[in-house]
Amino acid sequence: MLKVSFGKPTEKILWDIDPYFNFNFEHEWLQDDLVKRMIKDIDKSEVLNIYHIQDPVLGQISPWLLSKGVKALILAFNEPNLYINGSACGDNCAKWWLEIGKVKDIRINLGHIMHFDGEFEIYIENSDKIVHNMSEFISEEIKYN
């Protein structure tokens, strides 16, 4: 399940997505279909193999040149024990946070209102509640940010 906390975290959080990803990335992570779909959707790029990604603007790139949002999602999927700064990601990552949360328990901290579409289940750590839509999500967020 996707677990969200709002406000200043009381635990150690991964703020610097890029350097952590760049030093801990494992090429095998690119073999997963969910990871490939996230890269295609967010960065509009196609994984060619575990070393190369085809970007529509830059041509062939290494995984180290992916966007910060995709890097955060890949980290959450492959290292679910990390507590990640979700505010490093745009709203285009929201559906992917939910997708990962369907298969793994992951934690993010948000300092802003991220827009999640439709019905969903997100556990709000601050209030120990599960919210199911944006109205409930915003009601919880405004209490803590």
N, C-alpha and C. Protein backbone atom coordinates (compact mmCIF):
# COMPACT_ATOMS: atom_id res chain seq x y z
N MET A 1 0.84 -1.18 0.00
CA MET A 1 0.00 0.00 0.00
C MET A 1 0.89 1.24 0.00
N LEU A 2 0.42 2.27 -0.65
CA LEU A 2 1.09 3.56 -0.62
C LEU A 2 0.80 4.23 0.72
N LYS A 3 1.88 4.57 1.43
CA LYS A 3 1.78 5.25 2.71
C LYS A 3 2.37 6.64 2.55
N VAL A 4 1.57 7.64 2.92
CA VAL A 4 1.97 9.04 2.74
C VAL A 4 2.02 9.72 4.10
N SER A 5 3.05 10.52 4.29
CA SER A 5 3.08 11.41 5.45
C SER A 5 3.21 12.83 4.93
N PHE A 6 2.68 13.76 5.71
CA PHE A 6 2.73 15.17 5.36
C PHE A 6 3.58 15.91 6.38
N GLY A 7 4.10 17.06 5.95
CA GLY A 7 4.87 17.90 6.86
C GLY A 7 6.30 17.44 7.01
N LYS A 8 6.98 18.03 7.98
CA LYS A 8 8.38 17.72 8.22
C LYS A 8 8.50 16.30 8.77
N PRO A 9 9.28 15.46 8.09
CA PRO A 9 9.41 14.08 8.56
C PRO A 9 10.20 14.00 9.87
N THR A 10 9.83 13.04 10.68
CA THR A 10 10.53 12.82 11.95
C THR A 10 11.58 11.72 11.82
N GLU A 11 11.62 11.08 10.66
CA GLU A 11 12.59 10.02 10.40
C GLU A 11 13.49 10.44 9.24
N LYS A 12 14.55 9.67 9.05
CA LYS A 12 15.45 9.94 7.94
C LYS A 12 14.73 9.67 6.62
N ILE A 13 14.81 10.65 5.74
CA ILE A 13 14.13 10.56 4.45
C ILE A 13 15.15 10.73 3.33
N LEU A 14 14.87 10.11 2.21
CA LEU A 14 15.75 10.26 1.04
C LEU A 14 15.34 11.52 0.30
N TRP A 15 16.11 12.59 0.49
CA TRP A 15 15.85 13.87 -0.17
C TRP A 15 16.53 13.94 -1.53
N ASP A 16 17.77 13.48 -1.58
CA ASP A 16 18.60 13.61 -2.79
C ASP A 16 18.46 12.36 -3.65
N ILE A 17 17.45 12.36 -4.48
CA ILE A 17 17.12 11.20 -5.31
C ILE A 17 18.25 10.87 -6.30
N ASP A 18 18.73 11.87 -7.03
CA ASP A 18 19.72 11.63 -8.08
C ASP A 18 20.98 10.94 -7.59
N PRO A 19 21.68 11.48 -6.59
CA PRO A 19 22.92 10.80 -6.19
C PRO A 19 22.68 9.41 -5.61
N TYR A 20 21.60 9.26 -4.84
CA TYR A 20 21.33 7.94 -4.28
C TYR A 20 21.07 6.93 -5.40
N PHE A 21 20.25 7.32 -6.37
CA PHE A 21 19.95 6.44 -7.50
C PHE A 21 21.24 6.11 -8.26
N ASN A 22 22.02 7.13 -8.57
CA ASN A 22 23.20 6.94 -9.39
C ASN A 22 24.22 6.00 -8.75
N PHE A 23 24.29 6.00 -7.43
CA PHE A 23 25.26 5.14 -6.75
C PHE A 23 24.71 3.77 -6.38
N ASN A 24 23.40 3.60 -6.38
CA ASN A 24 22.80 2.34 -5.95
C ASN A 24 22.05 1.59 -7.06
N PHE A 25 21.93 2.20 -8.21
CA PHE A 25 21.19 1.60 -9.32
C PHE A 25 21.79 0.26 -9.73
N GLU A 26 20.91 -0.69 -10.00
CA GLU A 26 21.31 -1.99 -10.54
C GLU A 26 20.66 -2.14 -11.90
N HIS A 27 21.45 -2.45 -12.90
CA HIS A 27 20.95 -2.53 -14.28
C HIS A 27 19.78 -3.49 -14.43
N GLU A 28 19.74 -4.54 -13.62
CA GLU A 28 18.66 -5.52 -13.72
C GLU A 28 17.30 -4.90 -13.44
N TRP A 29 17.28 -3.76 -12.73
CA TRP A 29 16.01 -3.10 -12.45
C TRP A 29 15.26 -2.75 -13.73
N LEU A 30 15.99 -2.54 -14.82
CA LEU A 30 15.36 -2.14 -16.08
C LEU A 30 14.67 -3.30 -16.79
N GLN A 31 14.80 -4.50 -16.27
CA GLN A 31 14.16 -5.65 -16.89
C GLN A 31 12.69 -5.79 -16.50
N ASP A 32 12.27 -5.12 -15.47
CA ASP A 32 10.90 -5.25 -14.99
C ASP A 32 9.93 -4.47 -15.89
N ASP A 33 8.82 -5.11 -16.23
CA ASP A 33 7.83 -4.48 -17.11
C ASP A 33 7.24 -3.20 -16.52
N LEU A 34 6.99 -3.18 -15.21
CA LEU A 34 6.45 -1.97 -14.58
C LEU A 34 7.43 -0.82 -14.71
N VAL A 35 8.69 -1.08 -14.49
CA VAL A 35 9.72 -0.05 -14.63
C VAL A 35 9.76 0.47 -16.07
N LYS A 36 9.70 -0.42 -17.03
CA LYS A 36 9.70 -0.02 -18.44
C LYS A 36 8.50 0.87 -18.76
N ARG A 37 7.33 0.51 -18.21
CA ARG A 37 6.12 1.29 -18.46
C ARG A 37 6.21 2.68 -17.82
N MET A 38 6.79 2.76 -16.62
CA MET A 38 6.96 4.05 -15.96
C MET A 38 7.88 4.95 -16.78
N ILE A 39 8.97 4.41 -17.26
CA ILE A 39 9.93 5.19 -18.06
C ILE A 39 9.26 5.67 -19.35
N LYS A 40 8.50 4.79 -19.98
CA LYS A 40 7.82 5.15 -21.23
C LYS A 40 6.79 6.26 -20.99
N ASP A 41 6.03 6.15 -19.92
CA ASP A 41 4.97 7.11 -19.63
C ASP A 41 5.53 8.46 -19.19
N ILE A 42 6.46 8.47 -18.28
CA ILE A 42 6.92 9.72 -17.70
C ILE A 42 7.99 10.40 -18.54
N ASP A 43 8.99 9.65 -18.96
CA ASP A 43 10.09 10.25 -19.73
C ASP A 43 9.92 10.08 -21.24
N LYS A 44 8.87 9.40 -21.65
CA LYS A 44 8.62 9.16 -23.08
C LYS A 44 9.79 8.45 -23.73
N SER A 45 10.44 7.58 -22.97
CA SER A 45 11.64 6.88 -23.42
C SER A 45 11.42 5.38 -23.37
N GLU A 46 12.18 4.67 -24.19
CA GLU A 46 12.03 3.22 -24.29
C GLU A 46 13.31 2.54 -23.82
N VAL A 47 13.14 1.55 -22.95
CA VAL A 47 14.29 0.77 -22.50
C VAL A 47 14.70 -0.16 -23.64
N LEU A 48 15.93 0.00 -24.12
CA LEU A 48 16.46 -0.85 -25.19
C LEU A 48 17.07 -2.12 -24.62
N ASN A 49 17.81 -1.97 -23.53
CA ASN A 49 18.41 -3.08 -22.81
C ASN A 49 18.78 -2.57 -21.42
N ILE A 50 19.47 -3.37 -20.64
CA ILE A 50 19.73 -2.97 -19.26
C ILE A 50 20.77 -1.85 -19.15
N TYR A 51 21.35 -1.44 -20.26
CA TYR A 51 22.35 -0.37 -20.24
C TYR A 51 21.93 0.89 -21.00
N HIS A 52 20.95 0.76 -21.88
CA HIS A 52 20.60 1.89 -22.76
C HIS A 52 19.10 2.14 -22.81
N ILE A 53 18.79 3.42 -22.88
CA ILE A 53 17.40 3.87 -23.00
C ILE A 53 17.35 4.84 -24.18
N GLN A 54 16.32 4.70 -25.00
CA GLN A 54 16.16 5.58 -26.14
C GLN A 54 15.26 6.74 -25.75
N ASP A 55 15.85 7.93 -25.68
CA ASP A 55 15.11 9.15 -25.33
C ASP A 55 14.76 9.88 -26.62
N PRO A 56 13.53 10.42 -26.74
CA PRO A 56 13.13 11.07 -28.00
C PRO A 56 13.91 12.35 -28.30
N VAL A 57 14.50 12.96 -27.32
CA VAL A 57 15.25 14.21 -27.52
C VAL A 57 16.75 13.96 -27.52
N LEU A 58 17.22 13.21 -26.55
CA LEU A 58 18.66 13.04 -26.36
C LEU A 58 19.26 11.84 -27.10
N GLY A 59 18.41 10.98 -27.63
CA GLY A 59 18.93 9.76 -28.27
C GLY A 59 19.17 8.70 -27.21
N GLN A 60 20.19 7.88 -27.43
CA GLN A 60 20.49 6.84 -26.45
C GLN A 60 21.12 7.44 -25.21
N ILE A 61 20.55 7.09 -24.07
CA ILE A 61 21.05 7.61 -22.79
C ILE A 61 21.26 6.46 -21.82
N SER A 62 22.01 6.74 -20.79
CA SER A 62 22.17 5.77 -19.70
C SER A 62 21.05 6.00 -18.69
N PRO A 63 20.81 5.05 -17.81
CA PRO A 63 19.78 5.23 -16.78
C PRO A 63 20.04 6.43 -15.87
N TRP A 64 21.28 6.87 -15.76
CA TRP A 64 21.61 8.00 -14.90
C TRP A 64 21.03 9.32 -15.41
N LEU A 65 20.57 9.34 -16.66
CA LEU A 65 19.99 10.55 -17.22
C LEU A 65 18.46 10.56 -17.20
N LEU A 66 17.85 9.58 -16.56
CA LEU A 66 16.40 9.59 -16.40
C LEU A 66 15.99 10.75 -15.52
N SER A 67 14.72 11.12 -15.58
CA SER A 67 14.21 12.20 -14.74
C SER A 67 14.22 11.79 -13.27
N LYS A 68 14.22 12.79 -12.42
CA LYS A 68 14.22 12.54 -10.97
C LYS A 68 12.96 11.78 -10.55
N GLY A 69 11.83 12.10 -11.17
CA GLY A 69 10.58 11.41 -10.83
C GLY A 69 10.65 9.92 -11.11
N VAL A 70 11.14 9.56 -12.29
CA VAL A 70 11.27 8.14 -12.64
C VAL A 70 12.27 7.46 -11.72
N LYS A 71 13.36 8.14 -11.42
CA LYS A 71 14.35 7.56 -10.51
C LYS A 71 13.73 7.28 -9.14
N ALA A 72 12.93 8.20 -8.62
CA ALA A 72 12.29 8.00 -7.32
C ALA A 72 11.35 6.79 -7.35
N LEU A 73 10.60 6.66 -8.42
CA LEU A 73 9.68 5.53 -8.55
C LEU A 73 10.43 4.21 -8.65
N ILE A 74 11.48 4.18 -9.44
CA ILE A 74 12.28 2.96 -9.59
C ILE A 74 12.89 2.57 -8.25
N LEU A 75 13.38 3.56 -7.51
CA LEU A 75 13.93 3.27 -6.18
C LEU A 75 12.86 2.71 -5.25
N ALA A 76 11.69 3.32 -5.23
CA ALA A 76 10.61 2.85 -4.37
C ALA A 76 10.23 1.41 -4.70
N PHE A 77 10.20 1.10 -5.98
CA PHE A 77 9.82 -0.24 -6.42
C PHE A 77 10.88 -1.27 -6.04
N ASN A 78 12.13 -0.90 -6.16
CA ASN A 78 13.22 -1.85 -5.93
C ASN A 78 13.80 -1.83 -4.53
N GLU A 79 13.60 -0.75 -3.82
CA GLU A 79 14.06 -0.64 -2.44
C GLU A 79 12.92 -0.08 -1.59
N PRO A 80 11.86 -0.89 -1.41
CA PRO A 80 10.65 -0.39 -0.75
C PRO A 80 10.83 0.05 0.70
N ASN A 81 11.95 -0.26 1.30
CA ASN A 81 12.18 0.19 2.68
C ASN A 81 12.63 1.64 2.77
N LEU A 82 12.94 2.25 1.63
CA LEU A 82 13.31 3.66 1.62
C LEU A 82 12.09 4.53 1.93
N TYR A 83 12.33 5.63 2.60
CA TYR A 83 11.31 6.64 2.87
C TYR A 83 11.67 7.81 1.96
N ILE A 84 10.88 8.04 0.93
CA ILE A 84 11.26 8.92 -0.18
C ILE A 84 10.52 10.25 -0.16
N ASN A 85 11.23 11.29 -0.54
CA ASN A 85 10.64 12.61 -0.73
C ASN A 85 9.80 12.59 -2.00
N GLY A 86 8.51 12.39 -1.85
CA GLY A 86 7.61 12.34 -3.00
C GLY A 86 7.42 13.69 -3.67
N SER A 87 7.77 14.76 -2.97
CA SER A 87 7.65 16.09 -3.56
C SER A 87 8.71 16.36 -4.62
N ALA A 88 9.65 15.45 -4.76
CA ALA A 88 10.64 15.55 -5.84
C ALA A 88 10.00 15.15 -7.17
N CYS A 89 8.78 14.66 -7.10
CA CYS A 89 8.09 14.16 -8.29
C CYS A 89 6.89 15.04 -8.65
N GLY A 90 6.59 15.08 -9.91
CA GLY A 90 5.41 15.81 -10.36
C GLY A 90 4.16 14.95 -10.30
N ASP A 91 3.04 15.54 -10.63
CA ASP A 91 1.77 14.81 -10.62
C ASP A 91 1.75 13.67 -11.62
N ASN A 92 2.63 13.72 -12.63
CA ASN A 92 2.67 12.62 -13.60
C ASN A 92 3.16 11.32 -12.96
N CYS A 93 3.69 11.40 -11.76
CA CYS A 93 4.14 10.20 -11.03
C CYS A 93 3.04 9.62 -10.15
N ALA A 94 1.97 10.36 -9.91
CA ALA A 94 0.96 9.95 -8.94
C ALA A 94 0.38 8.57 -9.23
N LYS A 95 0.01 8.33 -10.47
CA LYS A 95 -0.60 7.03 -10.78
C LYS A 95 0.39 5.90 -10.57
N TRP A 96 1.67 6.18 -10.74
CA TRP A 96 2.69 5.15 -10.56
C TRP A 96 2.97 4.87 -9.09
N TRP A 97 2.85 5.90 -8.24
CA TRP A 97 2.95 5.64 -6.80
C TRP A 97 1.86 4.66 -6.40
N LEU A 98 0.65 4.88 -6.92
CA LEU A 98 -0.46 3.99 -6.60
C LEU A 98 -0.22 2.58 -7.15
N GLU A 99 0.30 2.49 -8.37
CA GLU A 99 0.58 1.18 -8.98
C GLU A 99 1.60 0.40 -8.15
N ILE A 100 2.67 1.06 -7.75
CA ILE A 100 3.67 0.38 -6.93
C ILE A 100 3.05 -0.03 -5.60
N GLY A 101 2.23 0.86 -5.04
CA GLY A 101 1.57 0.57 -3.77
C GLY A 101 0.62 -0.61 -3.82
N LYS A 102 0.20 -1.01 -5.00
CA LYS A 102 -0.65 -2.20 -5.14
C LYS A 102 0.13 -3.49 -4.94
N VAL A 103 1.44 -3.44 -5.18
CA VAL A 103 2.25 -4.66 -5.08
C VAL A 103 3.28 -4.63 -3.95
N LYS A 104 3.54 -3.42 -3.41
CA LYS A 104 4.52 -3.30 -2.33
C LYS A 104 4.08 -2.20 -1.38
N ASP A 105 4.50 -2.33 -0.14
CA ASP A 105 4.30 -1.25 0.82
C ASP A 105 5.43 -0.25 0.64
N ILE A 106 5.08 0.99 0.30
CA ILE A 106 6.08 2.03 0.10
C ILE A 106 5.67 3.28 0.87
N ARG A 107 6.67 4.09 1.21
CA ARG A 107 6.42 5.32 1.99
C ARG A 107 6.99 6.52 1.28
N ILE A 108 6.16 7.58 1.22
CA ILE A 108 6.64 8.85 0.69
C ILE A 108 6.18 9.98 1.61
N ASN A 109 6.92 11.06 1.56
CA ASN A 109 6.56 12.27 2.29
C ASN A 109 6.19 13.30 1.24
N LEU A 110 5.11 14.03 1.47
CA LEU A 110 4.68 15.07 0.54
C LEU A 110 4.59 16.41 1.24
N GLY A 111 5.15 17.42 0.61
CA GLY A 111 5.05 18.78 1.11
C GLY A 111 4.09 19.60 0.28
N HIS A 112 3.38 18.93 -0.61
CA HIS A 112 2.40 19.60 -1.47
C HIS A 112 1.27 18.61 -1.75
N ILE A 113 0.21 19.10 -2.36
CA ILE A 113 -0.90 18.23 -2.73
C ILE A 113 -0.60 17.61 -4.09
N MET A 114 -0.35 16.33 -4.09
CA MET A 114 -0.17 15.59 -5.34
C MET A 114 -1.55 15.14 -5.79
N HIS A 115 -1.82 15.23 -7.07
CA HIS A 115 -3.14 14.90 -7.58
C HIS A 115 -3.20 13.43 -8.00
N PHE A 116 -4.06 12.68 -7.29
CA PHE A 116 -4.31 11.28 -7.60
C PHE A 116 -5.70 11.19 -8.22
N ASP A 117 -5.82 10.48 -9.34
CA ASP A 117 -7.10 10.38 -10.04
C ASP A 117 -7.96 9.25 -9.49
N GLY A 118 -9.27 9.46 -9.59
CA GLY A 118 -10.24 8.41 -9.30
C GLY A 118 -10.28 7.96 -7.86
N GLU A 119 -10.67 6.71 -7.69
CA GLU A 119 -10.73 6.08 -6.37
C GLU A 119 -9.41 5.37 -6.12
N PHE A 120 -8.98 5.35 -4.88
CA PHE A 120 -7.71 4.73 -4.53
C PHE A 120 -7.69 4.44 -3.04
N GLU A 121 -6.65 3.80 -2.60
CA GLU A 121 -6.42 3.61 -1.17
C GLU A 121 -5.02 4.09 -0.85
N ILE A 122 -4.94 5.11 -0.01
CA ILE A 122 -3.67 5.64 0.47
C ILE A 122 -3.77 5.72 1.99
N TYR A 123 -2.77 5.18 2.64
CA TYR A 123 -2.70 5.25 4.10
C TYR A 123 -2.00 6.54 4.49
N ILE A 124 -2.65 7.37 5.29
CA ILE A 124 -2.07 8.62 5.77
C ILE A 124 -1.45 8.35 7.14
N GLU A 125 -0.14 8.40 7.19
CA GLU A 125 0.55 8.07 8.43
C GLU A 125 0.27 9.06 9.55
N ASN A 126 0.15 10.35 9.24
CA ASN A 126 -0.07 11.36 10.26
C ASN A 126 -1.32 11.09 11.09
N SER A 127 -2.39 10.64 10.43
CA SER A 127 -3.67 10.47 11.12
C SER A 127 -4.08 9.02 11.28
N ASP A 128 -3.26 8.09 10.75
CA ASP A 128 -3.58 6.66 10.83
C ASP A 128 -4.92 6.36 10.15
N LYS A 129 -5.15 7.01 8.98
CA LYS A 129 -6.40 6.82 8.23
C LYS A 129 -6.09 6.38 6.81
N ILE A 130 -7.03 5.68 6.22
CA ILE A 130 -6.96 5.35 4.80
C ILE A 130 -7.94 6.26 4.08
N VAL A 131 -7.44 6.93 3.04
CA VAL A 131 -8.30 7.80 2.24
C VAL A 131 -8.56 7.14 0.89
N HIS A 132 -9.68 7.53 0.27
CA HIS A 132 -10.13 6.83 -0.94
C HIS A 132 -10.34 7.73 -2.15
N ASN A 133 -10.21 9.04 -1.97
CA ASN A 133 -10.40 9.97 -3.09
C ASN A 133 -9.69 11.28 -2.77
N MET A 134 -9.65 12.18 -3.72
CA MET A 134 -8.92 13.44 -3.54
C MET A 134 -9.53 14.32 -2.45
N SER A 135 -10.83 14.29 -2.30
CA SER A 135 -11.46 15.09 -1.26
C SER A 135 -10.96 14.67 0.12
N GLU A 136 -10.95 13.38 0.38
CA GLU A 136 -10.44 12.87 1.65
C GLU A 136 -8.94 13.14 1.79
N PHE A 137 -8.21 12.97 0.70
CA PHE A 137 -6.76 13.18 0.70
C PHE A 137 -6.44 14.64 1.07
N ILE A 138 -7.13 15.58 0.42
CA ILE A 138 -6.89 17.00 0.69
C ILE A 138 -7.28 17.35 2.12
N SER A 139 -8.37 16.79 2.60
CA SER A 139 -8.79 17.05 3.99
C SER A 139 -7.70 16.66 4.97
N GLU A 140 -7.02 15.57 4.72
CA GLU A 140 -5.92 15.15 5.59
C GLU A 140 -4.69 16.02 5.37
N GLU A 141 -4.41 16.35 4.13
CA GLU A 141 -3.21 17.13 3.83
C GLU A 141 -3.23 18.51 4.47
N ILE A 142 -4.38 19.17 4.44
CA ILE A 142 -4.43 20.54 4.97
C ILE A 142 -4.24 20.57 6.51
N LYS A 143 -4.45 19.46 7.16
CA LYS A 143 -4.22 19.40 8.61
C LYS A 143 -2.73 19.44 8.96
N TYR A 144 -1.89 18.99 8.03
CA TYR A 144 -0.48 18.78 8.36
C TYR A 144 0.51 19.60 7.55
N ASN A 145 0.09 20.23 6.48
CA ASN A 145 1.01 21.08 5.67
C ASN A 145 0.60 22.52 5.75
